[in-house]
Amino acid sequence: MKDPMRLIDRFCYKHPNFGIPNLMRYLTIANVVFWILGTANSVLLSYLSFDAALILKGQVWRLFTFMLYPPSTGMLAFLVFYFYYWMGSTLEQVWGTPQFNIYILIGWALTVIYGMLAYLLGGYRIRINAQYLYLSMFFSYAALFPDQQVLLFFFIPIKIKWLALIDAAYFVLAVLSSPFPANLAPIVAVLNFFLFFGSALLRYLPRKPSSSTVNFRKASRKIRQEDRSRLYRHKCAVCGRTDTEYPGLEFRYCSRCAGYHCFCIDHINNHIHFTE
């Protein structure tokens, strides 16, 4: 079975103009606008959230407007807005517009499917917003920049990876404390992260050592044969694209990875570093 990320990477390479540039900017502006309108009239916000029963009655705009539901009606919301925009715009700069749009699009689709199935199969009317989807972006950001430092509460220096653990604890708490099936919303939200980084994370799982004896002469002969038969000089360690298959694609080697690992230009700054 092919890695889903390889399919996404190929699509993005073939369709470089796919998606909406600066998508997170528009989503953040819309959140701010509805925060202002909701502050003036809180009833308005009730028309934004996802509600499968009302959608089936004709309120189809709820399929999309739940993405614009502000995270809070208090002043703390502006800090959250900035947080969303900062993460989203950075991910788009690293991934490119097509891949970031696909990330948001898949997250939106999974959330809609989850909400509709909960109602159609179990009769649960779950009011959903995009809070967990936006928070799940932080896991992707932390996977790319684990050692970057930020100022918590504007004066406490802390690395991104520790904030990601706090974020993970919040997700776990939401799963354990919310009633079924609302407690599945955080799980659905992080499926995007595992889709984009799952293959890279598998490298860090402990593997059972093989009990068989290695025939080093046979293994070295096989490697030499593969080297002679391969038709490329560079191959991306993430998506598997080669300079033969994509002659116009640029390849580089990562100085932060342990060993000698090659990456295409799309993944030189978008991969989990090899540690051994």
C-alpha atoms as a PDB file:
ATOM      1  CA  MET A   1       0.000   0.000   0.000  1.00  0.00           C
ATOM      2  CA  LYS A   2       1.370   3.387  -0.981  1.00  0.00           C
ATOM      3  CA  ASP A   3       2.103   6.014   1.637  1.00  0.00           C
ATOM      4  CA  PRO A   4      -0.774   8.563   1.440  1.00  0.00           C
ATOM      5  CA  MET A   5       1.746  11.369   1.795  1.00  0.00           C
ATOM      6  CA  ARG A   6       3.494  10.287  -1.379  1.00  0.00           C
ATOM      7  CA  LEU A   7       0.203  10.661  -3.224  1.00  0.00           C
ATOM      8  CA  ILE A   8      -0.339  14.101  -1.688  1.00  0.00           C
ATOM      9  CA  ASP A   9       3.205  15.159  -2.576  1.00  0.00           C
ATOM     10  CA  ARG A  10       2.778  14.015  -6.164  1.00  0.00           C
ATOM     11  CA  PHE A  11      -0.521  15.886  -6.447  1.00  0.00           C
ATOM     12  CA  CYS A  12       1.037  19.072  -5.049  1.00  0.00           C
ATOM     13  CA  TYR A  13       3.986  18.780  -7.411  1.00  0.00           C
ATOM     14  CA  LYS A  14       1.717  18.373 -10.435  1.00  0.00           C
ATOM     15  CA  HIS A  15      -0.733  21.081  -9.290  1.00  0.00           C
ATOM     16  CA  PRO A  16       1.408  23.871  -7.801  1.00  0.00           C
ATOM     17  CA  ASN A  17      -1.429  26.416  -8.099  1.00  0.00           C
ATOM     18  CA  PHE A  18      -3.969  24.359  -6.171  1.00  0.00           C
ATOM     19  CA  GLY A  19      -5.584  26.000  -3.155  1.00  0.00           C
ATOM     20  CA  ILE A  20      -6.054  29.465  -1.721  1.00  0.00           C
ATOM     21  CA  PRO A  21      -2.839  31.370  -0.903  1.00  0.00           C
ATOM     22  CA  ASN A  22      -2.732  32.768   2.650  1.00  0.00           C
ATOM     23  CA  LEU A  23      -5.718  30.622   3.589  1.00  0.00           C
ATOM     24  CA  MET A  24      -5.084  30.989   7.318  1.00  0.00           C
ATOM     25  CA  ARG A  25      -5.200  34.776   6.995  1.00  0.00           C
ATOM     26  CA  TYR A  26      -8.721  34.631   5.576  1.00  0.00           C
ATOM     27  CA  LEU A  27      -9.869  32.086   8.158  1.00  0.00           C
ATOM     28  CA  THR A  28      -8.486  34.248  10.960  1.00  0.00           C
ATOM     29  CA  ILE A  29     -10.118  37.413   9.602  1.00  0.00           C
ATOM     30  CA  ALA A  30     -13.451  35.594   9.350  1.00  0.00           C
ATOM     31  CA  ASN A  31     -13.075  34.360  12.942  1.00  0.00           C
ATOM     32  CA  VAL A  32     -12.425  37.923  14.116  1.00  0.00           C
ATOM     33  CA  VAL A  33     -15.429  39.271  12.180  1.00  0.00           C
ATOM     34  CA  PHE A  34     -17.771  36.684  13.661  1.00  0.00           C
ATOM     35  CA  TRP A  35     -16.276  37.273  17.110  1.00  0.00           C
ATOM     36  CA  ILE A  36     -17.237  40.946  16.804  1.00  0.00           C
ATOM     37  CA  LEU A  37     -20.710  40.112  15.500  1.00  0.00           C
ATOM     38  CA  GLY A  38     -21.142  37.451  18.182  1.00  0.00           C
ATOM     39  CA  THR A  39     -20.200  39.936  20.889  1.00  0.00           C
ATOM     40  CA  ALA A  40     -22.921  42.260  19.630  1.00  0.00           C
ATOM     41  CA  ASN A  41     -25.463  39.449  19.217  1.00  0.00           C
ATOM     42  CA  SER A  42     -24.610  36.062  20.735  1.00  0.00           C
ATOM     43  CA  VAL A  43     -27.565  34.420  18.981  1.00  0.00           C
ATOM     44  CA  LEU A  44     -25.750  34.872  15.673  1.00  0.00           C
ATOM     45  CA  LEU A  45     -23.056  32.375  16.665  1.00  0.00           C
ATOM     46  CA  SER A  46     -25.666  29.641  17.085  1.00  0.00           C
ATOM     47  CA  TYR A  47     -26.148  29.745  13.300  1.00  0.00           C
ATOM     48  CA  LEU A  48     -22.485  28.946  12.626  1.00  0.00           C
ATOM     49  CA  SER A  49     -21.864  25.685  14.479  1.00  0.00           C
ATOM     50  CA  PHE A  50     -22.175  22.269  12.862  1.00  0.00           C
ATOM     51  CA  ASP A  51     -25.536  20.586  13.503  1.00  0.00           C
ATOM     52  CA  ALA A  52     -26.322  17.574  11.324  1.00  0.00           C
ATOM     53  CA  ALA A  53     -30.064  17.677  11.999  1.00  0.00           C
ATOM     54  CA  LEU A  54     -30.343  21.303  10.885  1.00  0.00           C
ATOM     55  CA  ILE A  55     -28.076  20.689   7.897  1.00  0.00           C
ATOM     56  CA  LEU A  56     -30.406  17.947   6.686  1.00  0.00           C
ATOM     57  CA  LYS A  57     -33.287  20.413   7.073  1.00  0.00           C
ATOM     58  CA  GLY A  58     -31.662  22.790   4.631  1.00  0.00           C
ATOM     59  CA  GLN A  59     -29.169  24.850   6.659  1.00  0.00           C
ATOM     60  CA  VAL A  60     -26.296  23.663   4.469  1.00  0.00           C
ATOM     61  CA  TRP A  61     -24.121  26.687   5.277  1.00  0.00           C
ATOM     62  CA  ARG A  62     -23.310  24.983   8.589  1.00  0.00           C
ATOM     63  CA  LEU A  63     -21.159  22.520   6.635  1.00  0.00           C
ATOM     64  CA  PHE A  64     -18.670  25.373   6.189  1.00  0.00           C
ATOM     65  CA  THR A  65     -19.364  28.062   8.779  1.00  0.00           C
ATOM     66  CA  PHE A  66     -18.322  25.861  11.711  1.00  0.00           C
ATOM     67  CA  MET A  67     -14.761  26.545  10.515  1.00  0.00           C
ATOM     68  CA  LEU A  68     -15.383  30.234  11.265  1.00  0.00           C
ATOM     69  CA  TYR A  69     -16.802  29.777  14.774  1.00  0.00           C
ATOM     70  CA  PRO A  70     -14.607  31.867  17.121  1.00  0.00           C
ATOM     71  CA  PRO A  71     -12.843  29.917  19.889  1.00  0.00           C
ATOM     72  CA  SER A  72     -14.027  32.261  22.632  1.00  0.00           C
ATOM     73  CA  THR A  73     -16.246  35.275  23.148  1.00  0.00           C
ATOM     74  CA  GLY A  74     -13.769  36.881  25.571  1.00  0.00           C
ATOM     75  CA  MET A  75     -10.702  39.025  24.942  1.00  0.00           C
ATOM     76  CA  LEU A  76      -8.529  35.897  25.171  1.00  0.00           C
ATOM     77  CA  ALA A  77      -9.831  35.037  21.714  1.00  0.00           C
ATOM     78  CA  PHE A  78      -7.454  37.554  20.093  1.00  0.00           C
ATOM     79  CA  LEU A  79      -4.467  35.693  21.524  1.00  0.00           C
ATOM     80  CA  VAL A  80      -5.906  32.466  20.093  1.00  0.00           C
ATOM     81  CA  PHE A  81      -6.488  34.159  16.719  1.00  0.00           C
ATOM     82  CA  TYR A  82      -2.851  35.208  16.564  1.00  0.00           C
ATOM     83  CA  PHE A  83      -1.775  31.700  17.600  1.00  0.00           C
ATOM     84  CA  TYR A  84      -3.844  30.135  14.808  1.00  0.00           C
ATOM     85  CA  TYR A  85      -2.553  32.593  12.215  1.00  0.00           C
ATOM     86  CA  TRP A  86       1.079  32.195  13.261  1.00  0.00           C
ATOM     87  CA  MET A  87       0.976  28.391  13.055  1.00  0.00           C
ATOM     88  CA  GLY A  88      -1.039  28.214   9.859  1.00  0.00           C
ATOM     89  CA  SER A  89       0.993  30.784   7.942  1.00  0.00           C
ATOM     90  CA  THR A  90       4.262  29.126   9.001  1.00  0.00           C
ATOM     91  CA  LEU A  91       3.050  25.690   7.915  1.00  0.00           C
ATOM     92  CA  GLU A  92       1.992  27.125   4.550  1.00  0.00           C
ATOM     93  CA  GLN A  93       5.446  28.678   4.088  1.00  0.00           C
ATOM     94  CA  VAL A  94       7.129  25.345   4.828  1.00  0.00           C
ATOM     95  CA  TRP A  95       4.728  23.021   3.023  1.00  0.00           C
ATOM     96  CA  GLY A  96       3.555  25.289   0.263  1.00  0.00           C
ATOM     97  CA  THR A  97       0.017  26.465  -0.471  1.00  0.00           C
ATOM     98  CA  PRO A  98      -1.295  23.217  -2.044  1.00  0.00           C
ATOM     99  CA  GLN A  99      -0.217  20.963   0.807  1.00  0.00           C
ATOM    100  CA  PHE A 100      -1.472  23.301   3.532  1.00  0.00           C
ATOM    101  CA  ASN A 101      -4.834  23.644   1.784  1.00  0.00           C
ATOM    102  CA  ILE A 102      -5.084  19.866   1.553  1.00  0.00           C
ATOM    103  CA  TYR A 103      -4.333  19.616   5.281  1.00  0.00           C
ATOM    104  CA  ILE A 104      -7.222  21.966   6.089  1.00  0.00           C
ATOM    105  CA  LEU A 105      -9.503  20.368   3.495  1.00  0.00           C
ATOM    106  CA  ILE A 106      -8.958  16.846   4.836  1.00  0.00           C
ATOM    107  CA  GLY A 107      -9.498  18.056   8.408  1.00  0.00           C
ATOM    108  CA  TRP A 108     -12.744  19.744   7.346  1.00  0.00           C
ATOM    109  CA  ALA A 109     -13.945  16.613   5.507  1.00  0.00           C
ATOM    110  CA  LEU A 110     -13.136  14.276   8.424  1.00  0.00           C
ATOM    111  CA  THR A 111     -14.995  16.552  10.842  1.00  0.00           C
ATOM    112  CA  VAL A 112     -18.070  16.718   8.595  1.00  0.00           C
ATOM    113  CA  ILE A 113     -18.087  12.934   8.111  1.00  0.00           C
ATOM    114  CA  TYR A 114     -17.765  12.390  11.859  1.00  0.00           C
ATOM    115  CA  GLY A 115     -20.610  14.778  12.676  1.00  0.00           C
ATOM    116  CA  MET A 116     -22.947  13.353  10.038  1.00  0.00           C
ATOM    117  CA  LEU A 117     -22.283   9.720  10.971  1.00  0.00           C
ATOM    118  CA  ALA A 118     -22.826  10.452  14.662  1.00  0.00           C
ATOM    119  CA  TYR A 119     -26.302  11.753  13.815  1.00  0.00           C
ATOM    120  CA  LEU A 120     -27.280   9.268  11.090  1.00  0.00           C
ATOM    121  CA  LEU A 121     -26.079   6.168  12.938  1.00  0.00           C
ATOM    122  CA  GLY A 122     -26.682   7.119  16.547  1.00  0.00           C
ATOM    123  CA  GLY A 123     -28.997  10.122  16.521  1.00  0.00           C
ATOM    124  CA  TYR A 124     -26.400  12.328  18.268  1.00  0.00           C
ATOM    125  CA  ARG A 125     -26.701  16.045  17.489  1.00  0.00           C
ATOM    126  CA  ILE A 126     -23.163  17.234  18.103  1.00  0.00           C
ATOM    127  CA  ARG A 127     -22.467  20.941  17.741  1.00  0.00           C
ATOM    128  CA  ILE A 128     -18.964  21.072  16.318  1.00  0.00           C
ATOM    129  CA  ASN A 129     -16.526  23.892  15.676  1.00  0.00           C
ATOM    130  CA  ALA A 130     -12.983  23.803  14.301  1.00  0.00           C
ATOM    131  CA  GLN A 131     -11.189  24.317  17.632  1.00  0.00           C
ATOM    132  CA  TYR A 132      -9.561  20.882  17.734  1.00  0.00           C
ATOM    133  CA  LEU A 133      -8.655  21.019  14.044  1.00  0.00           C
ATOM    134  CA  TYR A 134      -6.792  24.288  14.529  1.00  0.00           C
ATOM    135  CA  LEU A 135      -5.120  23.011  17.700  1.00  0.00           C
ATOM    136  CA  SER A 136      -4.006  19.867  15.874  1.00  0.00           C
ATOM    137  CA  MET A 137      -1.894  22.096  13.617  1.00  0.00           C
ATOM    138  CA  PHE A 138       0.327  22.644  16.631  1.00  0.00           C
ATOM    139  CA  PHE A 139       1.399  18.988  16.580  1.00  0.00           C
ATOM    140  CA  SER A 140       2.516  19.427  12.968  1.00  0.00           C
ATOM    141  CA  TYR A 141       4.371  22.615  13.856  1.00  0.00           C
ATOM    142  CA  ALA A 142       6.067  20.920  16.812  1.00  0.00           C
ATOM    143  CA  ALA A 143       7.119  17.971  14.637  1.00  0.00           C
ATOM    144  CA  LEU A 144       8.837  20.370  12.237  1.00  0.00           C
ATOM    145  CA  PHE A 145      10.347  22.738  14.834  1.00  0.00           C
ATOM    146  CA  PRO A 146      10.574  20.805  18.137  1.00  0.00           C
ATOM    147  CA  ASP A 147      13.445  22.843  19.585  1.00  0.00           C
ATOM    148  CA  GLN A 148      12.186  26.309  18.671  1.00  0.00           C
ATOM    149  CA  GLN A 149      11.692  28.488  21.737  1.00  0.00           C
ATOM    150  CA  VAL A 150       8.712  30.743  22.352  1.00  0.00           C
ATOM    151  CA  LEU A 151       7.789  32.997  25.255  1.00  0.00           C
ATOM    152  CA  LEU A 152       4.926  31.477  27.223  1.00  0.00           C
ATOM    153  CA  PHE A 153       2.768  34.282  28.673  1.00  0.00           C
ATOM    154  CA  PHE A 154       5.262  36.621  26.893  1.00  0.00           C
ATOM    155  CA  PHE A 155       8.104  36.069  29.391  1.00  0.00           C
ATOM    156  CA  ILE A 156       8.663  32.317  30.074  1.00  0.00           C
ATOM    157  CA  PRO A 157      10.980  30.730  27.459  1.00  0.00           C
ATOM    158  CA  ILE A 158       9.875  27.205  26.570  1.00  0.00           C
ATOM    159  CA  LYS A 159      10.513  24.842  23.680  1.00  0.00           C
ATOM    160  CA  ILE A 160       7.732  24.010  21.257  1.00  0.00           C
ATOM    161  CA  LYS A 161       7.950  20.279  21.981  1.00  0.00           C
ATOM    162  CA  TRP A 162       7.008  20.823  25.636  1.00  0.00           C
ATOM    163  CA  LEU A 163       4.029  22.949  24.637  1.00  0.00           C
ATOM    164  CA  ALA A 164       3.017  20.139  22.279  1.00  0.00           C
ATOM    165  CA  LEU A 165       2.941  17.760  25.253  1.00  0.00           C
ATOM    166  CA  ILE A 166       0.637  20.190  27.061  1.00  0.00           C
ATOM    167  CA  ASP A 167      -1.529  20.315  23.959  1.00  0.00           C
ATOM    168  CA  ALA A 168      -1.598  16.503  23.878  1.00  0.00           C
ATOM    169  CA  ALA A 169      -2.632  16.417  27.543  1.00  0.00           C
ATOM    170  CA  TYR A 170      -5.496  18.782  26.723  1.00  0.00           C
ATOM    171  CA  PHE A 171      -6.641  16.447  23.946  1.00  0.00           C
ATOM    172  CA  VAL A 172      -6.472  13.410  26.236  1.00  0.00           C
ATOM    173  CA  LEU A 173      -8.422  15.248  28.931  1.00  0.00           C
ATOM    174  CA  ALA A 174     -11.096  16.193  26.394  1.00  0.00           C
ATOM    175  CA  VAL A 175     -11.406  12.575  25.280  1.00  0.00           C
ATOM    176  CA  LEU A 176     -11.724  11.299  28.863  1.00  0.00           C
ATOM    177  CA  SER A 177     -14.041  13.998  30.204  1.00  0.00           C
ATOM    178  CA  SER A 178     -16.474  14.525  27.300  1.00  0.00           C
ATOM    179  CA  PRO A 179     -19.517  12.279  26.771  1.00  0.00           C
ATOM    180  CA  PHE A 180     -19.662   9.879  23.844  1.00  0.00           C
ATOM    181  CA  PRO A 181     -19.526  10.548  20.913  1.00  0.00           C
ATOM    182  CA  ALA A 182     -18.424  14.169  21.480  1.00  0.00           C
ATOM    183  CA  ASN A 183     -15.201  12.800  22.973  1.00  0.00           C
ATOM    184  CA  LEU A 184     -14.219  11.503  19.533  1.00  0.00           C
ATOM    185  CA  ALA A 185     -13.856  15.036  18.138  1.00  0.00           C
ATOM    186  CA  PRO A 186     -10.235  15.469  19.378  1.00  0.00           C
ATOM    187  CA  ILE A 187      -9.316  12.062  17.935  1.00  0.00           C
ATOM    188  CA  VAL A 188     -10.804  12.938  14.547  1.00  0.00           C
ATOM    189  CA  ALA A 189      -8.897  16.240  14.596  1.00  0.00           C
ATOM    190  CA  VAL A 190      -5.468  14.611  15.038  1.00  0.00           C
ATOM    191  CA  LEU A 191      -5.991  12.119  12.201  1.00  0.00           C
ATOM    192  CA  ASN A 192      -4.569  14.790   9.904  1.00  0.00           C
ATOM    193  CA  PHE A 193      -1.357  14.897  11.887  1.00  0.00           C
ATOM    194  CA  PHE A 194      -0.913  11.126  11.701  1.00  0.00           C
ATOM    195  CA  LEU A 195      -1.696  11.171   7.988  1.00  0.00           C
ATOM    196  CA  PHE A 196       1.024  13.758   7.348  1.00  0.00           C
ATOM    197  CA  PHE A 197       3.626  12.510   9.841  1.00  0.00           C
ATOM    198  CA  GLY A 198       2.659   8.897  10.538  1.00  0.00           C
ATOM    199  CA  SER A 199       5.274   7.283   8.298  1.00  0.00           C
ATOM    200  CA  ALA A 200       8.007   9.445   9.824  1.00  0.00           C
ATOM    201  CA  LEU A 201       6.880   8.667  13.382  1.00  0.00           C
ATOM    202  CA  LEU A 202       6.980   4.919  12.698  1.00  0.00           C
ATOM    203  CA  ARG A 203      10.758   5.160  12.431  1.00  0.00           C
ATOM    204  CA  TYR A 204      10.907   5.950  16.150  1.00  0.00           C
ATOM    205  CA  LEU A 205       8.922   2.920  17.296  1.00  0.00           C
ATOM    206  CA  PRO A 206      11.020   0.183  18.950  1.00  0.00           C
ATOM    207  CA  ARG A 207      11.576  -2.757  16.658  1.00  0.00           C
ATOM    208  CA  LYS A 208      12.022  -6.362  17.640  1.00  0.00           C
ATOM    209  CA  PRO A 209      15.588  -7.425  16.841  1.00  0.00           C
ATOM    210  CA  SER A 210      15.889 -10.116  14.237  1.00  0.00           C
ATOM    211  CA  SER A 211      17.079 -13.514  15.488  1.00  0.00           C
ATOM    212  CA  SER A 212      18.376 -14.609  12.106  1.00  0.00           C
ATOM    213  CA  THR A 213      22.066 -14.390  11.215  1.00  0.00           C
ATOM    214  CA  VAL A 214      22.938 -11.809   8.587  1.00  0.00           C
ATOM    215  CA  ASN A 215      24.945 -12.991   5.610  1.00  0.00           C
ATOM    216  CA  PHE A 216      27.071  -9.873   5.138  1.00  0.00           C
ATOM    217  CA  ARG A 217      28.648 -11.056   1.877  1.00  0.00           C
ATOM    218  CA  LYS A 218      25.242 -11.720   0.333  1.00  0.00           C
ATOM    219  CA  ALA A 219      23.821  -8.461   1.681  1.00  0.00           C
ATOM    220  CA  SER A 220      26.712  -6.368   0.360  1.00  0.00           C
ATOM    221  CA  ARG A 221      26.401  -8.047  -3.057  1.00  0.00           C
ATOM    222  CA  LYS A 222      22.686  -7.209  -3.125  1.00  0.00           C
ATOM    223  CA  ILE A 223      23.373  -3.562  -2.261  1.00  0.00           C
ATOM    224  CA  ARG A 224      25.979  -3.265  -5.020  1.00  0.00           C
ATOM    225  CA  GLN A 225      23.527  -4.768  -7.510  1.00  0.00           C
ATOM    226  CA  GLU A 226      20.832  -2.325  -6.473  1.00  0.00           C
ATOM    227  CA  ASP A 227      23.273   0.576  -6.800  1.00  0.00           C
ATOM    228  CA  ARG A 228      24.212  -0.520 -10.313  1.00  0.00           C
ATOM    229  CA  SER A 229      20.602  -1.086 -11.394  1.00  0.00           C
ATOM    230  CA  ARG A 230      19.043   2.082 -10.016  1.00  0.00           C
ATOM    231  CA  LEU A 231      18.413   4.826 -12.543  1.00  0.00           C
ATOM    232  CA  TYR A 232      18.665   7.846 -10.280  1.00  0.00           C
ATOM    233  CA  ARG A 233      21.266   9.750  -8.283  1.00  0.00           C
ATOM    234  CA  HIS A 234      18.988  11.370  -5.697  1.00  0.00           C
ATOM    235  CA  LYS A 235      15.869  10.068  -3.965  1.00  0.00           C
ATOM    236  CA  CYS A 236      13.820  11.933  -1.339  1.00  0.00           C
ATOM    237  CA  ALA A 237      13.719  10.050   1.964  1.00  0.00           C
ATOM    238  CA  VAL A 238      10.160  11.301   2.608  1.00  0.00           C
ATOM    239  CA  CYS A 239       8.152  11.120  -0.625  1.00  0.00           C
ATOM    240  CA  GLY A 240      10.408   8.809  -2.652  1.00  0.00           C
ATOM    241  CA  ARG A 241      10.618  11.076  -5.696  1.00  0.00           C
ATOM    242  CA  THR A 242      13.823  10.755  -7.709  1.00  0.00           C
ATOM    243  CA  ASP A 243      15.783  13.033 -10.007  1.00  0.00           C
ATOM    244  CA  THR A 244      15.049  10.625 -12.875  1.00  0.00           C
ATOM    245  CA  GLU A 245      11.298  10.722 -12.373  1.00  0.00           C
ATOM    246  CA  TYR A 246      11.290  14.504 -11.750  1.00  0.00           C
ATOM    247  CA  PRO A 247      14.328  15.946 -13.580  1.00  0.00           C
ATOM    248  CA  GLY A 248      13.420  19.548 -12.707  1.00  0.00           C
ATOM    249  CA  LEU A 249      13.134  18.871  -8.971  1.00  0.00           C
ATOM    250  CA  GLU A 250      15.895  20.128  -6.680  1.00  0.00           C
ATOM    251  CA  PHE A 251      17.399  17.777  -4.055  1.00  0.00           C
ATOM    252  CA  ARG A 252      19.450  18.598  -0.966  1.00  0.00           C
ATOM    253  CA  TYR A 253      21.026  16.840   2.004  1.00  0.00           C
ATOM    254  CA  CYS A 254      20.036  17.668   5.581  1.00  0.00           C
ATOM    255  CA  SER A 255      22.921  18.611   7.878  1.00  0.00           C
ATOM    256  CA  ARG A 256      20.789  18.081  11.007  1.00  0.00           C
ATOM    257  CA  CYS A 257      19.999  14.421  10.267  1.00  0.00           C
ATOM    258  CA  ALA A 258      22.265  11.668  11.518  1.00  0.00           C
ATOM    259  CA  GLY A 259      23.741   9.999   8.450  1.00  0.00           C
ATOM    260  CA  TYR A 260      23.548  10.983   4.801  1.00  0.00           C
ATOM    261  CA  HIS A 261      19.899  11.549   3.902  1.00  0.00           C
ATOM    262  CA  CYS A 262      18.609  13.231   0.752  1.00  0.00           C
ATOM    263  CA  PHE A 263      15.403  15.245   0.523  1.00  0.00           C
ATOM    264  CA  CYS A 264      13.575  17.034  -2.265  1.00  0.00           C
ATOM    265  CA  ILE A 265      13.131  20.790  -2.039  1.00  0.00           C
ATOM    266  CA  ASP A 266       9.583  20.277  -0.708  1.00  0.00           C
ATOM    267  CA  HIS A 267      10.806  18.226   2.260  1.00  0.00           C
ATOM    268  CA  ILE A 268      14.263  19.569   3.097  1.00  0.00           C
ATOM    269  CA  ASN A 269      12.559  21.774   5.722  1.00  0.00           C
ATOM    270  CA  ASN A 270       9.543  19.507   6.191  1.00  0.00           C
ATOM    271  CA  HIS A 271      10.654  16.233   7.758  1.00  0.00           C
ATOM    272  CA  ILE A 272      11.372  14.626  11.093  1.00  0.00           C
ATOM    273  CA  HIS A 273      15.145  14.424  11.466  1.00  0.00           C
ATOM    274  CA  PHE A 274      16.881  11.048  11.450  1.00  0.00           C
ATOM    275  CA  THR A 275      18.608  10.396  14.758  1.00  0.00           C
ATOM    276  CA  GLU A 276      20.521   7.264  13.857  1.00  0.00           C
END
